[in-house]
Structure formats: structure tokens, C-alpha cells
Amino acid sequence: SWKKKMKMIFYWIKSARKLTICPPKCREVFILSKVDGL
């Protein structure tokens, strides 16, 4: 549903903001996994 999609989008936006406090290598690995899908 549209509502569920919006919740997911907001969740990922919040996650992305919090990701900036992660150490660089953790951040890189997270992005490669969750964003790039590796």
C-alpha cells in the first residue's frame, strides 16, 4: 500500500541520517549492502 511505502521511505530517511554517526567502514559496508544490493 501507499501508506506502507511512505513508512518505509521515512524509515530509510531516518536511518540514513543516523548512518552518519557510524564509523566510515561500517557506513560503506551498510551502503553497499542496503543501497547497492550487494
All heavy atoms as atom14 arrays in JSON, in Angstrom:
{
  "sequence": "SWKKKMKMIFYWIKSARKLTICPPKCREVFILSKVDGL",
  "atom14_mask": [
    [1, 1, 1, 1, 1, 1, 0, 0, 0, 0, 0, 0, 0, 0],
    [1, 1, 1, 1, 1, 1, 1, 1, 1, 1, 1, 1, 1, 1],
    [1, 1, 1, 1, 1, 1, 1, 1, 1, 0, 0, 0, 0, 0],
    [1, 1, 1, 1, 1, 1, 1, 1, 1, 0, 0, 0, 0, 0],
    [1, 1, 1, 1, 1, 1, 1, 1, 1, 0, 0, 0, 0, 0],
    [1, 1, 1, 1, 1, 1, 1, 1, 0, 0, 0, 0, 0, 0],
    [1, 1, 1, 1, 1, 1, 1, 1, 1, 0, 0, 0, 0, 0],
    [1, 1, 1, 1, 1, 1, 1, 1, 0, 0, 0, 0, 0, 0],
    [1, 1, 1, 1, 1, 1, 1, 1, 0, 0, 0, 0, 0, 0],
    [1, 1, 1, 1, 1, 1, 1, 1, 1, 1, 1, 0, 0, 0],
    [1, 1, 1, 1, 1, 1, 1, 1, 1, 1, 1, 1, 0, 0],
    [1, 1, 1, 1, 1, 1, 1, 1, 1, 1, 1, 1, 1, 1],
    [1, 1, 1, 1, 1, 1, 1, 1, 0, 0, 0, 0, 0, 0],
    [1, 1, 1, 1, 1, 1, 1, 1, 1, 0, 0, 0, 0, 0],
    [1, 1, 1, 1, 1, 1, 0, 0, 0, 0, 0, 0, 0, 0],
    [1, 1, 1, 1, 1, 0, 0, 0, 0, 0, 0, 0, 0, 0],
    [1, 1, 1, 1, 1, 1, 1, 1, 1, 1, 1, 0, 0, 0],
    [1, 1, 1, 1, 1, 1, 1, 1, 1, 0, 0, 0, 0, 0],
    [1, 1, 1, 1, 1, 1, 1, 1, 0, 0, 0, 0, 0, 0],
    [1, 1, 1, 1, 1, 1, 1, 0, 0, 0, 0, 0, 0, 0],
    [1, 1, 1, 1, 1, 1, 1, 1, 0, 0, 0, 0, 0, 0],
    [1, 1, 1, 1, 1, 1, 0, 0, 0, 0, 0, 0, 0, 0],
    [1, 1, 1, 1, 1, 1, 1, 0, 0, 0, 0, 0, 0, 0],
    [1, 1, 1, 1, 1, 1, 1, 0, 0, 0, 0, 0, 0, 0],
    [1, 1, 1, 1, 1, 1, 1, 1, 1, 0, 0, 0, 0, 0],
    [1, 1, 1, 1, 1, 1, 0, 0, 0, 0, 0, 0, 0, 0],
    [1, 1, 1, 1, 1, 1, 1, 1, 1, 1, 1, 0, 0, 0],
    [1, 1, 1, 1, 1, 1, 1, 1, 1, 0, 0, 0, 0, 0],
    [1, 1, 1, 1, 1, 1, 1, 0, 0, 0, 0, 0, 0, 0],
    [1, 1, 1, 1, 1, 1, 1, 1, 1, 1, 1, 0, 0, 0],
    [1, 1, 1, 1, 1, 1, 1, 1, 0, 0, 0, 0, 0, 0],
    [1, 1, 1, 1, 1, 1, 1, 1, 0, 0, 0, 0, 0, 0],
    [1, 1, 1, 1, 1, 1, 0, 0, 0, 0, 0, 0, 0, 0],
    [1, 1, 1, 1, 1, 1, 1, 1, 1, 0, 0, 0, 0, 0],
    [1, 1, 1, 1, 1, 1, 1, 0, 0, 0, 0, 0, 0, 0],
    [1, 1, 1, 1, 1, 1, 1, 1, 0, 0, 0, 0, 0, 0],
    [1, 1, 1, 1, 0, 0, 0, 0, 0, 0, 0, 0, 0, 0],
    [1, 1, 1, 1, 1, 1, 1, 1, 0, 0, 0, 0, 0, 0]
  ],
  "atom14_positions": [
    [[0.83, -1.2, 0.0], [0.0, 0.0, 0.0], [0.87, 1.26, 0.0], [2.04, 1.23, 0.39], [-0.92, 0.01, 1.22], [-0.18, 0.27, 2.39], [0.0, 0.0, 0.0], [0.0, 0.0, 0.0], [0.0, 0.0, 0.0], [0.0, 0.0, 0.0], [0.0, 0.0, 0.0], [0.0, 0.0, 0.0], [0.0, 0.0, 0.0], [0.0, 0.0, 0.0]],
    [[0.24, 2.36, -0.4], [0.93, 3.64, -0.43], [1.41, 4.02, 0.97], [2.52, 4.51, 1.15], [-0.04, 4.7, -0.98], [0.58, 6.05, -1.09], [1.33, 6.51, -2.13], [0.52, 7.11, -0.14], [1.74, 7.79, -1.88], [1.26, 8.19, -0.65], [-0.07, 7.25, 1.11], [1.41, 9.38, 0.03], [0.08, 8.45, 1.79], [0.81, 9.49, 1.24]],
    [[0.58, 3.76, 1.97], [0.92, 4.1, 3.35], [2.16, 3.33, 3.82], [3.05, 3.89, 4.45], [-0.28, 3.8, 4.27], [-0.12, 4.32, 5.67], [-1.39, 4.11, 6.47], [-1.24, 4.64, 7.87], [-2.47, 4.5, 8.65], [0.0, 0.0, 0.0], [0.0, 0.0, 0.0], [0.0, 0.0, 0.0], [0.0, 0.0, 0.0], [0.0, 0.0, 0.0]],
    [[2.21, 2.05, 3.49], [3.37, 1.24, 3.88], [4.63, 1.71, 3.16], [5.71, 1.75, 3.75], [3.12, -0.24, 3.58], [2.21, -0.9, 4.58], [2.11, -2.39, 4.33], [1.19, -3.03, 5.37], [1.11, -4.47, 5.21], [0.0, 0.0, 0.0], [0.0, 0.0, 0.0], [0.0, 0.0, 0.0], [0.0, 0.0, 0.0], [0.0, 0.0, 0.0]],
    [[4.48, 2.07, 1.89], [5.63, 2.58, 1.13], [6.16, 3.86, 1.75], [7.37, 4.05, 1.89], [5.24, 2.83, -0.33], [5.08, 1.58, -1.13], [4.72, 1.89, -2.56], [4.44, 0.62, -3.34], [4.03, 0.9, -4.71], [0.0, 0.0, 0.0], [0.0, 0.0, 0.0], [0.0, 0.0, 0.0], [0.0, 0.0, 0.0], [0.0, 0.0, 0.0]],
    [[5.27, 4.75, 2.16], [5.68, 6.01, 2.78], [6.38, 5.76, 4.11], [7.38, 6.39, 4.42], [4.48, 6.94, 2.97], [3.93, 7.5, 1.68], [5.17, 8.31, 0.65], [5.61, 9.69, 1.67], [0.0, 0.0, 0.0], [0.0, 0.0, 0.0], [0.0, 0.0, 0.0], [0.0, 0.0, 0.0], [0.0, 0.0, 0.0], [0.0, 0.0, 0.0]],
    [[5.87, 4.81, 4.88], [6.52, 4.47, 6.16], [7.94, 3.96, 5.91], [8.87, 4.31, 6.63], [5.71, 3.42, 6.91], [4.55, 3.97, 7.67], [3.9, 2.89, 8.52], [2.8, 3.46, 9.38], [2.23, 2.46, 10.28], [0.0, 0.0, 0.0], [0.0, 0.0, 0.0], [0.0, 0.0, 0.0], [0.0, 0.0, 0.0], [0.0, 0.0, 0.0]],
    [[8.09, 3.12, 4.89], [9.41, 2.59, 4.56], [10.35, 3.72, 4.14], [11.51, 3.75, 4.55], [9.33, 1.55, 3.45], [8.84, 0.21, 3.92], [8.79, -1.02, 2.61], [10.49, -1.1, 2.13], [0.0, 0.0, 0.0], [0.0, 0.0, 0.0], [0.0, 0.0, 0.0], [0.0, 0.0, 0.0], [0.0, 0.0, 0.0], [0.0, 0.0, 0.0]],
    [[9.85, 4.63, 3.34], [10.68, 5.75, 2.88], [11.13, 6.59, 4.07], [12.31, 6.93, 4.19], [9.91, 6.61, 1.85], [9.76, 5.83, 0.53], [10.62, 7.95, 1.62], [8.8, 6.45, -0.45], [0.0, 0.0, 0.0], [0.0, 0.0, 0.0], [0.0, 0.0, 0.0], [0.0, 0.0, 0.0], [0.0, 0.0, 0.0], [0.0, 0.0, 0.0]],
    [[10.21, 6.92, 4.97], [10.58, 7.7, 6.15], [11.56, 6.95, 7.04], [12.48, 7.54, 7.59], [9.34, 8.11, 6.95], [8.56, 9.21, 6.3], [7.21, 9.05, 6.04], [9.16, 10.4, 5.94], [6.48, 10.06, 5.44], [8.44, 11.42, 5.34], [7.1, 11.25, 5.08], [0.0, 0.0, 0.0], [0.0, 0.0, 0.0], [0.0, 0.0, 0.0]],
    [[11.38, 5.64, 7.16], [12.3, 4.83, 7.95], [13.71, 4.91, 7.36], [14.69, 5.1, 8.09], [11.83, 3.38, 8.01], [12.81, 2.47, 8.69], [12.9, 2.43, 10.07], [13.68, 1.68, 7.95], [13.83, 1.62, 10.71], [14.61, 0.87, 8.57], [14.68, 0.84, 9.95], [15.61, 0.04, 10.56], [0.0, 0.0, 0.0], [0.0, 0.0, 0.0]],
    [[13.82, 4.77, 6.04], [15.14, 4.8, 5.39], [15.77, 6.19, 5.48], [16.98, 6.32, 5.62], [15.06, 4.31, 3.95], [15.02, 2.82, 3.91], [13.96, 2.03, 3.6], [16.08, 1.92, 4.24], [14.3, 0.71, 3.73], [15.59, 0.61, 4.11], [17.4, 2.1, 4.65], [16.37, -0.51, 4.37], [18.18, 0.98, 4.9], [17.66, -0.31, 4.76]],
    [[14.95, 7.23, 5.42], [15.48, 8.59, 5.57], [16.05, 8.76, 6.98], [17.16, 9.27, 7.16], [14.41, 9.65, 5.28], [14.09, 9.67, 3.78], [14.85, 11.03, 5.75], [12.89, 10.5, 3.41], [0.0, 0.0, 0.0], [0.0, 0.0, 0.0], [0.0, 0.0, 0.0], [0.0, 0.0, 0.0], [0.0, 0.0, 0.0], [0.0, 0.0, 0.0]],
    [[15.31, 8.32, 7.99], [15.8, 8.39, 9.37], [17.07, 7.57, 9.52], [18.03, 8.0, 10.16], [14.74, 7.89, 10.34], [13.6, 8.83, 10.55], [12.61, 8.22, 11.54], [11.37, 9.05, 11.69], [10.42, 8.43, 12.63], [0.0, 0.0, 0.0], [0.0, 0.0, 0.0], [0.0, 0.0, 0.0], [0.0, 0.0, 0.0], [0.0, 0.0, 0.0]],
    [[17.08, 6.38, 8.93], [18.25, 5.51, 9.01], [19.46, 6.17, 8.37], [20.57, 6.11, 8.9], [17.98, 4.17, 8.32], [16.99, 3.45, 8.99], [0.0, 0.0, 0.0], [0.0, 0.0, 0.0], [0.0, 0.0, 0.0], [0.0, 0.0, 0.0], [0.0, 0.0, 0.0], [0.0, 0.0, 0.0], [0.0, 0.0, 0.0], [0.0, 0.0, 0.0]],
    [[19.25, 6.81, 7.23], [20.35, 7.46, 6.53], [20.95, 8.58, 7.38], [22.17, 8.74, 7.43], [19.87, 8.01, 5.19], [0.0, 0.0, 0.0], [0.0, 0.0, 0.0], [0.0, 0.0, 0.0], [0.0, 0.0, 0.0], [0.0, 0.0, 0.0], [0.0, 0.0, 0.0], [0.0, 0.0, 0.0], [0.0, 0.0, 0.0], [0.0, 0.0, 0.0]],
    [[20.11, 9.32, 8.07], [20.61, 10.39, 8.95], [21.43, 9.8, 10.08], [22.47, 10.34, 10.45], [19.45, 11.19, 9.51], [18.8, 12.08, 8.5], [17.71, 12.89, 9.13], [17.01, 13.68, 8.12], [15.78, 14.08, 8.22], [15.07, 13.78, 9.3], [15.21, 14.79, 7.27], [0.0, 0.0, 0.0], [0.0, 0.0, 0.0], [0.0, 0.0, 0.0]],
    [[20.96, 8.71, 10.64], [21.68, 8.07, 11.74], [22.96, 7.41, 11.26], [23.91, 7.25, 12.02], [20.8, 7.02, 12.44], [19.48, 7.54, 12.94], [19.63, 8.66, 13.92], [18.27, 9.11, 14.41], [18.29, 10.32, 15.16], [0.0, 0.0, 0.0], [0.0, 0.0, 0.0], [0.0, 0.0, 0.0], [0.0, 0.0, 0.0], [0.0, 0.0, 0.0]],
    [[22.99, 7.04, 10.01], [24.16, 6.36, 9.43], [25.4, 7.25, 9.49], [26.51, 6.75, 9.55], [23.85, 5.95, 8.0], [24.79, 5.03, 7.28], [24.96, 3.73, 8.06], [24.29, 4.73, 5.88], [0.0, 0.0, 0.0], [0.0, 0.0, 0.0], [0.0, 0.0, 0.0], [0.0, 0.0, 0.0], [0.0, 0.0, 0.0], [0.0, 0.0, 0.0]],
    [[25.21, 8.56, 9.52], [26.36, 9.46, 9.54], [27.18, 9.33, 10.82], [28.34, 9.73, 10.84], [25.92, 10.94, 9.38], [25.06, 11.28, 10.46], [25.21, 11.16, 8.06], [0.0, 0.0, 0.0], [0.0, 0.0, 0.0], [0.0, 0.0, 0.0], [0.0, 0.0, 0.0], [0.0, 0.0, 0.0], [0.0, 0.0, 0.0], [0.0, 0.0, 0.0]],
    [[26.59, 8.76, 11.89], [27.35, 8.6, 13.13], [28.13, 7.28, 13.17], [28.9, 7.06, 14.08], [26.45, 8.72, 14.38], [25.39, 7.63, 14.43], [25.83, 10.11, 14.47], [24.54, 7.64, 15.7], [0.0, 0.0, 0.0], [0.0, 0.0, 0.0], [0.0, 0.0, 0.0], [0.0, 0.0, 0.0], [0.0, 0.0, 0.0], [0.0, 0.0, 0.0]],
    [[27.93, 6.44, 12.16], [28.66, 5.17, 12.09], [30.09, 5.41, 11.63], [30.35, 6.35, 10.87], [27.98, 4.23, 11.08], [26.42, 3.57, 11.62], [0.0, 0.0, 0.0], [0.0, 0.0, 0.0], [0.0, 0.0, 0.0], [0.0, 0.0, 0.0], [0.0, 0.0, 0.0], [0.0, 0.0, 0.0], [0.0, 0.0, 0.0], [0.0, 0.0, 0.0]],
    [[31.01, 4.56, 12.06], [32.38, 4.65, 11.53], [32.36, 4.5, 10.01], [31.48, 3.83, 9.46], [33.09, 3.47, 12.2], [32.28, 3.16, 13.41], [30.86, 3.49, 13.06], [0.0, 0.0, 0.0], [0.0, 0.0, 0.0], [0.0, 0.0, 0.0], [0.0, 0.0, 0.0], [0.0, 0.0, 0.0], [0.0, 0.0, 0.0], [0.0, 0.0, 0.0]],
    [[33.33, 5.09, 9.33], [33.33, 5.09, 7.86], [33.21, 3.71, 7.2], [32.45, 3.54, 6.25], [34.67, 5.75, 7.5], [35.01, 6.57, 8.69], [34.44, 5.86, 9.88], [0.0, 0.0, 0.0], [0.0, 0.0, 0.0], [0.0, 0.0, 0.0], [0.0, 0.0, 0.0], [0.0, 0.0, 0.0], [0.0, 0.0, 0.0], [0.0, 0.0, 0.0]],
    [[33.93, 2.73, 7.71], [33.88, 1.4, 7.08], [32.52, 0.75, 7.29], [31.99, 0.11, 6.38], [35.0, 0.51, 7.63], [35.22, -0.76, 6.84], [35.54, -0.53, 5.37], [36.97, -0.16, 5.16], [37.37, -0.13, 3.75], [0.0, 0.0, 0.0], [0.0, 0.0, 0.0], [0.0, 0.0, 0.0], [0.0, 0.0, 0.0], [0.0, 0.0, 0.0]],
    [[31.94, 0.91, 8.46], [30.59, 0.38, 8.71], [29.59, 1.03, 7.76], [28.72, 0.37, 7.19], [30.15, 0.65, 10.14], [31.01, -0.32, 11.38], [0.0, 0.0, 0.0], [0.0, 0.0, 0.0], [0.0, 0.0, 0.0], [0.0, 0.0, 0.0], [0.0, 0.0, 0.0], [0.0, 0.0, 0.0], [0.0, 0.0, 0.0], [0.0, 0.0, 0.0]],
    [[29.71, 2.34, 7.61], [28.82, 3.08, 6.71], [28.97, 2.59, 5.28], [27.98, 2.35, 4.58], [29.14, 4.58, 6.83], [28.22, 5.46, 6.03], [28.4, 6.94, 6.33], [29.77, 7.4, 6.35], [30.39, 7.88, 7.42], [29.77, 7.96, 8.57], [31.64, 8.29, 7.34], [0.0, 0.0, 0.0], [0.0, 0.0, 0.0], [0.0, 0.0, 0.0]],
    [[30.2, 2.4, 4.84], [30.46, 1.93, 3.48], [29.85, 0.55, 3.24], [29.18, 0.31, 2.23], [31.97, 1.88, 3.22], [32.34, 1.43, 1.83], [33.84, 1.41, 1.59], [34.62, 1.43, 2.58], [34.23, 1.34, 0.42], [0.0, 0.0, 0.0], [0.0, 0.0, 0.0], [0.0, 0.0, 0.0], [0.0, 0.0, 0.0], [0.0, 0.0, 0.0]],
    [[30.05, -0.36, 4.19], [29.52, -1.71, 4.07], [27.98, -1.68, 4.06], [27.34, -2.35, 3.26], [30.05, -2.62, 5.21], [29.29, -3.92, 5.29], [31.54, -2.88, 5.03], [0.0, 0.0, 0.0], [0.0, 0.0, 0.0], [0.0, 0.0, 0.0], [0.0, 0.0, 0.0], [0.0, 0.0, 0.0], [0.0, 0.0, 0.0], [0.0, 0.0, 0.0]],
    [[27.4, -0.88, 4.95], [25.94, -0.77, 5.01], [25.38, -0.27, 3.67], [24.41, -0.82, 3.15], [25.54, 0.19, 6.14], [24.07, 0.3, 6.34], [23.4, -0.58, 7.17], [23.33, 1.29, 5.69], [22.03, -0.48, 7.36], [21.96, 1.4, 5.87], [21.31, 0.51, 6.7], [0.0, 0.0, 0.0], [0.0, 0.0, 0.0], [0.0, 0.0, 0.0]],
    [[25.99, 0.74, 3.11], [25.52, 1.3, 1.83], [25.67, 0.29, 0.71], [24.75, 0.12, -0.11], [26.26, 2.62, 1.51], [25.8, 3.69, 2.5], [26.02, 3.06, 0.07], [26.63, 4.96, 2.47], [0.0, 0.0, 0.0], [0.0, 0.0, 0.0], [0.0, 0.0, 0.0], [0.0, 0.0, 0.0], [0.0, 0.0, 0.0], [0.0, 0.0, 0.0]],
    [[26.79, -0.38, 0.66], [26.99, -1.39, -0.39], [25.96, -2.51, -0.28], [25.48, -3.02, -1.29], [28.4, -1.98, -0.31], [29.53, -1.05, -0.76], [30.89, -1.65, -0.41], [29.44, -0.76, -2.25], [0.0, 0.0, 0.0], [0.0, 0.0, 0.0], [0.0, 0.0, 0.0], [0.0, 0.0, 0.0], [0.0, 0.0, 0.0], [0.0, 0.0, 0.0]],
    [[25.58, -2.86, 0.94], [24.61, -3.92, 1.13], [23.18, -3.45, 0.89], [22.46, -4.02, 0.07], [24.73, -4.47, 2.56], [23.72, -5.41, 2.82], [0.0, 0.0, 0.0], [0.0, 0.0, 0.0], [0.0, 0.0, 0.0], [0.0, 0.0, 0.0], [0.0, 0.0, 0.0], [0.0, 0.0, 0.0], [0.0, 0.0, 0.0], [0.0, 0.0, 0.0]],
    [[22.78, -2.39, 1.59], [21.37, -1.98, 1.57], [20.99, -1.1, 0.39], [19.87, -1.16, -0.09], [21.02, -1.27, 2.88], [21.19, -2.13, 4.11], [20.28, -3.34, 4.06], [20.41, -4.17, 5.32], [19.63, -5.39, 5.26], [0.0, 0.0, 0.0], [0.0, 0.0, 0.0], [0.0, 0.0, 0.0], [0.0, 0.0, 0.0], [0.0, 0.0, 0.0]],
    [[21.9, -0.28, -0.07], [21.59, 0.63, -1.19], [21.95, -0.02, -2.52], [21.14, -0.06, -3.44], [22.3, 1.98, -1.01], [22.04, 2.9, -2.2], [21.86, 2.65, 0.29], [0.0, 0.0, 0.0], [0.0, 0.0, 0.0], [0.0, 0.0, 0.0], [0.0, 0.0, 0.0], [0.0, 0.0, 0.0], [0.0, 0.0, 0.0], [0.0, 0.0, 0.0]],
    [[23.18, -0.53, -2.61], [23.63, -1.13, -3.86], [23.16, -2.57, -4.04], [23.24, -3.11, -5.13], [25.15, -1.07, -3.97], [25.68, 0.36, -4.03], [24.87, 1.28, -4.32], [26.88, 0.57, -3.79], [0.0, 0.0, 0.0], [0.0, 0.0, 0.0], [0.0, 0.0, 0.0], [0.0, 0.0, 0.0], [0.0, 0.0, 0.0], [0.0, 0.0, 0.0]],
    [[22.71, -3.18, -2.96], [22.16, -4.52, -3.05], [23.18, -5.64, -3.21], [22.83, -6.74, -3.66], [0.0, 0.0, 0.0], [0.0, 0.0, 0.0], [0.0, 0.0, 0.0], [0.0, 0.0, 0.0], [0.0, 0.0, 0.0], [0.0, 0.0, 0.0], [0.0, 0.0, 0.0], [0.0, 0.0, 0.0], [0.0, 0.0, 0.0], [0.0, 0.0, 0.0]],
    [[24.43, -5.38, -2.82], [25.46, -6.41, -2.94], [25.34, -7.42, -1.81], [24.93, -7.09, -0.7], [26.85, -5.78, -2.91], [27.2, -4.82, -4.04], [28.62, -4.27, -3.84], [27.07, -5.47, -5.39], [0.0, 0.0, 0.0], [0.0, 0.0, 0.0], [0.0, 0.0, 0.0], [0.0, 0.0, 0.0], [0.0, 0.0, 0.0], [0.0, 0.0, 0.0]]
  ]
}
